[in-house]
Amino acid sequence: MAGDERIGVGVLGGSGYIGAELLRYLVVHPRVEIRWVTAHARSGEKVADVLPNLRGFVGGGFIEIEEAEARIGEVRAIFLALPHNQSQDVIPRIAERHPDLVIIDMAGDFRTDDSAGYERFYGKKHAAPQWLPRFVYGFTELERPALRGARLIANPGCFATGLLLALAPLAKAGRLSGDICVTAVTGSSGSGNKPSAATHHPERASNFRSYKVLVHQHRLEVEHYLRKIAASEFRLHFVPQSAPLVRGIFVTVFLPGTSAGDLRRIFDDAYGGEPLIAVVDGSPELRWIQGTPRSFVGIAGTGGDGVVFTVTDNLGKGAAGQAIQNLNCALGFPETEGLDWPGGYV
């Protein structure tokens, strides 16, 4: 792309936590320009009034989806940060009319081709099951070849990203078998910006609990993806936990029978050249990645037993950061463009 030429992008659902984070990433991307942003409940309001952190970066106001669809010709790519169960009603009609448009869906609607599994985990019969196999699953580090030139991309879920960073290299190395036990601690922003008993400050600020024990919806995409690359049968046991923090996911995978030395070799091979992932000995810390698109993988253990940790920002690598990686891959931009910056330390 010559000179200062930029591509137009649009965001459907820009007033929630994921949409707001996506806008924060897009405004510093040197190759894109935000042309419009939708938010049904805030339509007509100025973006900077709803999201004051973007004052001076994003002008104009939120529009309705109908207006956005009429203005699709202004953009080369769109992101959907809508609630689960909604993008399946929107994407097919847009994609049919605009087959060259890059569409990146941030919800769970198109992450597998298992429509029965979708209904089981998301509580709704899928409205567009014929579209499920058309999407590339955007776990960037392992799906780069498929993402190059892709037009339909399903961005992984936040828990799924943290789990796959730990489990996918094990599956590729033939070390994923039997019972796999995982816990993952998450912050309150993963629940969205609508108040609920789970996110109400007095309930969460000094509290810690597990929820959706062994039945979290991100299991669907994690197991689906891993079964495509694992050489052996495995059973995933996943317990998510709610912590008194706003951002971040801390994953712990227990691996009895696999030493820390073996794990270090596996993960160095997998991520040694990755610009946005670092492998370290011992436990990483959430503060290293909060507010960033970066991830750390930590290795620990004693004797022949090992543990793998991953830390990600649920709104960063777990959402907006990975979506930007996928946009860059799809359009042939350098993968870290718009992402090559550090977070704070305290």
Protein backbone atom coordinates (compact mmCIF):
# COMPACT_ATOMS: atom_id res chain seq x y z
CA MET A 1 0.00 0.00 0.00
CA ALA A 2 1.55 3.25 -1.09
CA GLY A 3 2.06 6.36 0.99
CA ASP A 4 -0.57 7.15 3.61
CA GLU A 5 -3.35 5.15 1.95
CA ARG A 6 -5.57 3.47 4.53
CA ILE A 7 -8.36 0.94 4.29
CA GLY A 8 -11.78 1.69 5.75
CA VAL A 9 -13.08 -0.52 8.56
CA GLY A 10 -16.40 -0.66 10.38
CA VAL A 11 -17.34 -1.99 13.81
CA LEU A 12 -20.75 -3.46 14.60
CA GLY A 13 -21.31 -3.25 18.34
CA GLY A 14 -18.82 -0.63 19.47
CA SER A 15 -20.13 0.40 22.88
CA GLY A 16 -19.44 -2.78 24.88
CA TYR A 17 -16.13 -3.68 26.46
CA ILE A 18 -14.87 -5.70 23.48
CA GLY A 19 -16.06 -3.14 20.93
CA ALA A 20 -14.51 -0.29 22.91
CA GLU A 21 -11.21 -2.15 23.19
CA LEU A 22 -11.27 -2.89 19.48
CA LEU A 23 -11.71 0.81 18.74
CA ARG A 24 -8.78 1.61 21.05
CA TYR A 25 -6.58 -0.75 19.02
CA LEU A 26 -7.84 0.42 15.64
CA VAL A 27 -7.16 4.12 16.23
CA VAL A 28 -3.41 3.46 16.49
CA HIS A 29 -3.24 1.10 13.52
CA PRO A 30 -1.31 2.89 10.75
CA ARG A 31 -3.13 1.18 7.86
CA VAL A 32 -6.80 1.50 8.83
CA GLU A 33 -9.37 4.24 9.24
CA ILE A 34 -12.59 3.78 11.20
CA ARG A 35 -15.46 4.81 8.91
CA TRP A 36 -18.43 3.99 11.15
CA VAL A 37 -19.40 2.29 14.41
CA THR A 38 -22.78 0.88 15.39
CA ALA A 39 -24.39 0.61 18.82
CA HIS A 40 -28.13 0.04 18.82
CA ALA A 41 -28.79 1.24 22.36
CA ARG A 42 -26.54 4.31 21.93
CA SER A 43 -27.43 5.19 18.35
CA GLY A 44 -27.12 8.93 17.72
CA GLU A 45 -24.82 9.52 20.68
CA LYS A 46 -21.28 10.67 20.09
CA VAL A 47 -18.68 7.94 20.46
CA ALA A 48 -16.54 10.22 22.65
CA ASP A 49 -19.46 10.87 25.02
CA VAL A 50 -19.99 7.15 25.58
CA LEU A 51 -16.27 6.26 25.53
CA PRO A 52 -14.42 9.32 26.85
CA ASN A 53 -11.02 7.60 26.55
CA LEU A 54 -11.44 7.86 22.77
CA ARG A 55 -12.07 11.62 22.73
CA GLY A 56 -9.83 13.11 20.08
CA PHE A 57 -9.34 9.71 18.44
CA VAL A 58 -12.81 8.68 17.19
CA GLY A 59 -15.17 11.34 15.90
CA GLY A 60 -18.85 11.16 15.03
CA GLY A 61 -21.60 9.15 16.60
CA PHE A 62 -22.88 5.60 16.81
CA ILE A 63 -25.23 4.50 14.02
CA GLU A 64 -27.76 1.70 13.57
CA ILE A 65 -26.83 -1.57 11.82
CA GLU A 66 -29.20 -0.74 8.95
CA GLU A 67 -27.22 2.42 8.14
CA ALA A 68 -23.94 0.50 8.45
CA GLU A 69 -25.15 -2.09 5.93
CA ALA A 70 -26.04 0.70 3.53
CA ARG A 71 -22.49 2.05 3.91
CA ILE A 72 -20.61 -1.22 3.48
CA GLY A 73 -19.06 0.20 0.30
CA GLU A 74 -16.97 2.54 2.49
CA VAL A 75 -15.05 -0.30 4.13
CA ARG A 76 -12.76 -3.19 3.25
CA ALA A 77 -13.31 -5.04 6.55
CA ILE A 78 -15.81 -5.19 9.38
CA PHE A 79 -15.65 -6.47 12.94
CA LEU A 80 -18.72 -7.74 14.76
CA ALA A 81 -18.62 -7.31 18.54
CA LEU A 82 -22.25 -8.26 19.04
CA PRO A 83 -23.63 -10.52 21.79
CA HIS A 84 -23.60 -14.26 21.12
CA ASN A 85 -26.47 -15.51 18.92
CA GLN A 86 -26.76 -12.25 16.96
CA SER A 87 -24.03 -12.26 14.30
CA GLN A 88 -25.46 -15.43 12.70
CA ASP A 89 -28.47 -13.32 11.67
CA VAL A 90 -26.35 -10.47 10.29
CA ILE A 91 -23.30 -12.00 8.62
CA PRO A 92 -24.93 -14.21 5.95
CA ARG A 93 -26.81 -11.35 4.29
CA ILE A 94 -23.77 -9.04 4.37
CA ALA A 95 -21.37 -11.73 3.12
CA GLU A 96 -23.67 -12.74 0.26
CA ARG A 97 -23.92 -9.17 -0.99
CA HIS A 98 -20.22 -8.36 -0.43
CA PRO A 99 -18.14 -11.50 -1.01
CA ASP A 100 -14.81 -9.62 -1.01
CA LEU A 101 -15.41 -8.03 2.39
CA VAL A 102 -13.25 -9.29 5.28
CA ILE A 103 -15.57 -10.18 8.16
CA ILE A 104 -14.19 -10.89 11.63
CA ASP A 105 -16.75 -12.13 14.13
CA MET A 106 -15.87 -11.70 17.81
CA ALA A 107 -18.78 -13.79 19.15
CA GLY A 108 -19.13 -17.56 19.47
CA ASP A 109 -21.49 -17.99 16.53
CA PHE A 110 -19.05 -19.35 13.91
CA ARG A 111 -16.14 -20.84 15.86
CA THR A 112 -16.89 -24.48 14.98
CA ASP A 113 -18.91 -26.35 12.37
CA ASP A 114 -20.77 -28.24 15.14
CA SER A 115 -24.30 -26.84 15.05
CA ALA A 116 -25.56 -29.40 17.57
CA GLY A 117 -22.76 -28.45 19.95
CA TYR A 118 -23.59 -24.79 19.46
CA GLU A 119 -27.18 -25.37 20.47
CA ARG A 120 -26.07 -27.36 23.53
CA PHE A 121 -23.61 -24.76 24.81
CA TYR A 122 -25.26 -21.51 23.67
CA GLY A 123 -28.91 -22.47 24.15
CA LYS A 124 -30.08 -21.57 20.64
CA LYS A 125 -30.53 -23.49 17.42
CA HIS A 126 -28.06 -22.02 14.94
CA ALA A 127 -29.78 -19.87 12.32
CA ALA A 128 -27.12 -20.34 9.61
CA PRO A 129 -25.50 -23.79 10.01
CA GLN A 130 -24.52 -23.91 6.33
CA TRP A 131 -22.16 -20.99 6.98
CA LEU A 132 -20.25 -22.66 9.81
CA PRO A 133 -17.69 -24.55 7.64
CA ARG A 134 -16.90 -21.38 5.68
CA PHE A 135 -15.16 -19.66 8.59
CA VAL A 136 -11.47 -19.83 9.48
CA TYR A 137 -10.87 -20.19 13.20
CA GLY A 138 -8.61 -17.27 14.03
CA PHE A 139 -6.15 -18.79 16.50
CA THR A 140 -3.49 -16.81 14.74
CA GLU A 141 -0.25 -18.51 15.74
CA LEU A 142 -1.38 -21.91 14.42
CA GLU A 143 -3.67 -20.80 11.59
CA ARG A 144 -1.57 -18.29 9.63
CA PRO A 145 -1.71 -20.20 6.30
CA ALA A 146 -5.51 -20.42 6.43
CA LEU A 147 -5.85 -16.78 7.51
CA ARG A 148 -3.90 -15.37 4.57
CA GLY A 149 -6.52 -14.02 2.22
CA ALA A 150 -9.40 -15.27 4.40
CA ARG A 151 -12.69 -13.42 4.16
CA LEU A 152 -14.66 -15.03 7.00
CA ILE A 153 -12.84 -15.28 10.34
CA ALA A 154 -14.16 -16.42 13.72
CA ASN A 155 -12.11 -14.83 16.48
CA PRO A 156 -11.52 -17.28 19.37
CA GLY A 157 -13.08 -16.71 22.76
CA CYS A 158 -11.07 -15.26 25.63
CA PHE A 159 -10.89 -18.43 27.73
CA ALA A 160 -10.36 -20.46 24.56
CA THR A 161 -7.34 -18.35 23.65
CA GLY A 162 -5.72 -18.83 27.06
CA LEU A 163 -6.39 -22.56 27.02
CA LEU A 164 -5.23 -23.10 23.44
CA LEU A 165 -1.99 -21.22 24.03
CA ALA A 166 -1.23 -23.95 26.58
CA LEU A 167 -2.86 -26.99 25.00
CA ALA A 168 -2.33 -26.66 21.24
CA PRO A 169 1.49 -27.09 21.36
CA LEU A 170 0.99 -30.17 23.54
CA ALA A 171 -1.48 -31.60 21.04
CA LYS A 172 0.89 -30.97 18.13
CA ALA A 173 3.74 -32.61 20.07
CA GLY A 174 1.64 -35.72 20.79
CA ARG A 175 1.53 -34.99 24.54
CA LEU A 176 -2.21 -34.46 24.93
CA SER A 177 -3.95 -37.61 26.11
CA GLY A 178 -6.09 -38.94 28.93
CA ASP A 179 -7.56 -36.54 31.48
CA ILE A 180 -6.49 -32.92 31.05
CA CYS A 181 -7.33 -30.76 34.07
CA VAL A 182 -7.40 -26.99 33.65
CA THR A 183 -8.38 -24.06 35.84
CA ALA A 184 -8.60 -20.47 34.60
CA VAL A 185 -9.17 -17.31 36.59
CA THR A 186 -10.82 -14.35 34.87
CA GLY A 187 -11.63 -10.72 35.54
CA SER A 188 -15.04 -9.11 35.56
CA SER A 189 -14.78 -7.43 32.14
CA GLY A 190 -15.25 -10.85 30.54
CA SER A 191 -18.89 -10.70 31.64
CA GLY A 192 -19.63 -7.58 29.60
CA ASN A 193 -20.77 -4.13 30.67
CA LYS A 194 -24.34 -4.98 31.67
CA PRO A 195 -24.53 -5.24 35.48
CA SER A 196 -25.34 -8.63 36.93
CA ALA A 197 -24.98 -10.50 40.20
CA ALA A 198 -21.66 -11.87 38.90
CA THR A 199 -20.19 -8.43 38.18
CA HIS A 200 -21.83 -6.22 40.84
CA HIS A 201 -18.91 -4.62 42.70
CA PRO A 202 -19.81 -5.62 46.31
CA GLU A 203 -20.32 -9.21 45.16
CA ARG A 204 -17.02 -9.46 43.33
CA ALA A 205 -14.52 -7.01 44.80
CA SER A 206 -13.51 -9.19 47.75
CA ASN A 207 -14.82 -12.52 46.51
CA PHE A 208 -13.60 -15.57 44.58
CA ARG A 209 -15.70 -18.40 43.15
CA SER A 210 -15.97 -21.01 40.44
CA TYR A 211 -18.80 -21.00 37.92
CA LYS A 212 -20.01 -23.03 34.91
CA VAL A 213 -17.96 -25.89 36.34
CA LEU A 214 -17.04 -28.33 33.52
CA VAL A 215 -19.70 -26.82 31.23
CA HIS A 216 -18.33 -23.46 30.07
CA GLN A 217 -19.27 -22.70 26.45
CA HIS A 218 -15.66 -22.15 25.35
CA ARG A 219 -15.06 -25.87 25.85
CA LEU A 220 -16.88 -26.39 22.56
CA GLU A 221 -14.31 -24.55 20.43
CA VAL A 222 -11.29 -25.71 22.45
CA GLU A 223 -12.16 -29.40 22.16
CA HIS A 224 -13.21 -29.03 18.53
CA TYR A 225 -9.91 -27.41 17.60
CA LEU A 226 -7.70 -29.75 19.61
CA ARG A 227 -9.33 -32.90 18.24
CA LYS A 228 -8.22 -31.85 14.77
CA ILE A 229 -4.53 -31.83 15.78
CA ALA A 230 -4.25 -34.26 18.72
CA ALA A 231 -2.91 -37.74 18.00
CA SER A 232 -4.56 -39.36 21.05
CA GLU A 233 -7.89 -39.30 22.81
CA PHE A 234 -8.20 -36.84 25.67
CA ARG A 235 -10.83 -35.59 28.10
CA LEU A 236 -10.81 -31.90 28.97
CA HIS A 237 -11.91 -30.94 32.48
CA PHE A 238 -12.20 -27.15 32.71
CA VAL A 239 -13.12 -25.12 35.79
CA PRO A 240 -13.41 -21.34 35.23
CA GLN A 241 -13.09 -19.05 38.24
CA SER A 242 -14.20 -15.49 38.92
CA ALA A 243 -11.64 -13.22 40.59
CA PRO A 244 -11.77 -9.71 42.07
CA LEU A 245 -9.99 -8.04 39.16
CA VAL A 246 -11.14 -6.33 35.98
CA ARG A 247 -8.85 -7.60 33.21
CA GLY A 248 -6.90 -10.74 32.54
CA ILE A 249 -7.07 -14.52 32.40
CA PHE A 250 -4.65 -16.79 34.25
CA VAL A 251 -4.71 -20.43 33.05
CA THR A 252 -3.17 -23.40 34.87
CA VAL A 253 -2.79 -26.80 33.17
CA PHE A 254 -1.68 -29.77 35.28
CA LEU A 255 0.52 -32.30 33.45
CA PRO A 256 1.62 -35.18 35.65
CA GLY A 257 4.09 -37.38 33.82
CA THR A 258 5.55 -34.58 31.67
CA SER A 259 8.61 -32.85 33.08
CA ALA A 260 9.25 -29.12 33.09
CA GLY A 261 12.27 -29.69 30.83
CA ASP A 262 10.15 -31.45 28.22
CA LEU A 263 7.55 -28.72 28.45
CA ARG A 264 10.12 -26.01 27.99
CA ARG A 265 11.37 -27.66 24.80
CA ILE A 266 7.82 -28.06 23.45
CA PHE A 267 6.88 -24.44 24.10
CA ASP A 268 10.18 -22.99 22.93
CA ASP A 269 9.65 -24.85 19.66
CA ALA A 270 6.08 -23.59 19.42
CA TYR A 271 6.53 -19.96 20.41
CA GLY A 272 10.26 -19.21 20.35
CA GLY A 273 9.92 -16.96 17.32
CA GLU A 274 6.58 -15.39 18.19
CA PRO A 275 6.65 -11.59 18.58
CA LEU A 276 3.60 -11.41 20.87
CA ILE A 277 4.22 -14.51 23.03
CA ALA A 278 7.05 -15.09 25.49
CA VAL A 279 7.95 -18.36 27.24
CA VAL A 280 9.38 -18.07 30.75
CA ASP A 281 10.30 -20.31 33.66
CA GLY A 282 7.93 -20.20 36.60
CA SER A 283 4.70 -18.30 36.99
CA PRO A 284 3.97 -15.29 34.78
CA GLU A 285 1.97 -12.37 36.17
CA LEU A 286 -1.21 -10.77 34.92
CA ARG A 287 0.20 -7.26 35.27
CA TRP A 288 2.69 -8.09 32.50
CA ILE A 289 -0.07 -8.26 29.90
CA GLN A 290 -3.02 -6.20 31.14
CA GLY A 291 -4.02 -3.66 28.50
CA THR A 292 -1.88 -5.30 25.81
CA PRO A 293 -2.12 -7.83 22.95
CA ARG A 294 0.71 -9.88 24.44
CA SER A 295 0.81 -13.26 26.19
CA PHE A 296 3.20 -15.15 28.44
CA VAL A 297 3.53 -18.90 28.86
CA GLY A 298 5.13 -20.08 32.09
CA ILE A 299 6.65 -23.51 32.77
CA ALA A 300 7.14 -25.07 36.20
CA GLY A 301 7.37 -28.52 37.76
CA THR A 302 9.26 -30.95 39.90
CA GLY A 303 10.56 -34.41 39.06
CA GLY A 304 8.59 -35.82 36.16
CA ASP A 305 5.51 -33.64 36.72
CA GLY A 306 4.94 -30.29 35.07
CA VAL A 307 2.57 -27.34 34.99
CA VAL A 308 1.89 -24.83 32.22
CA PHE A 309 0.58 -21.33 32.91
CA THR A 310 -0.66 -18.75 30.42
CA VAL A 311 -1.60 -15.13 31.02
CA THR A 312 -3.63 -13.09 28.56
CA ASP A 313 -5.76 -9.99 28.68
CA ASN A 314 -9.29 -11.14 27.94
CA LEU A 315 -9.95 -7.91 26.04
CA GLY A 316 -6.48 -7.87 24.42
CA LYS A 317 -5.08 -11.14 23.08
CA GLY A 318 -8.40 -12.71 24.09
CA ALA A 319 -10.38 -10.38 21.83
CA ALA A 320 -9.23 -7.14 20.15
CA GLY A 321 -5.51 -7.92 19.83
CA GLN A 322 -6.11 -11.26 18.17
CA ALA A 323 -8.73 -9.71 15.89
CA ILE A 324 -6.15 -7.18 14.68
CA GLN A 325 -3.63 -9.99 14.13
CA ASN A 326 -6.23 -11.77 12.02
CA LEU A 327 -7.05 -8.63 10.04
CA ASN A 328 -3.35 -8.14 9.31
CA CYS A 329 -2.97 -11.75 8.18
CA ALA A 330 -6.05 -11.63 5.97
CA LEU A 331 -4.96 -8.44 4.21
CA GLY A 332 -1.25 -9.22 3.97
CA PHE A 333 -0.10 -6.55 6.43
CA PRO A 334 2.77 -7.20 8.86
CA GLU A 335 1.11 -9.25 11.60
CA THR A 336 2.10 -7.03 14.52
CA GLU A 337 1.19 -3.75 12.84
CA GLY A 338 -0.83 -1.70 15.31
CA LEU A 339 0.11 -4.12 18.11
CA ASP A 340 3.77 -3.53 18.79
CA TRP A 341 3.57 -1.69 22.07
CA PRO A 342 4.05 -2.62 25.74
CA GLY A 343 1.67 -2.30 28.64
CA GLY A 344 2.31 -0.74 32.01
CA TYR A 345 4.01 -2.57 34.84
CA VAL A 346 2.09 -1.38 37.90
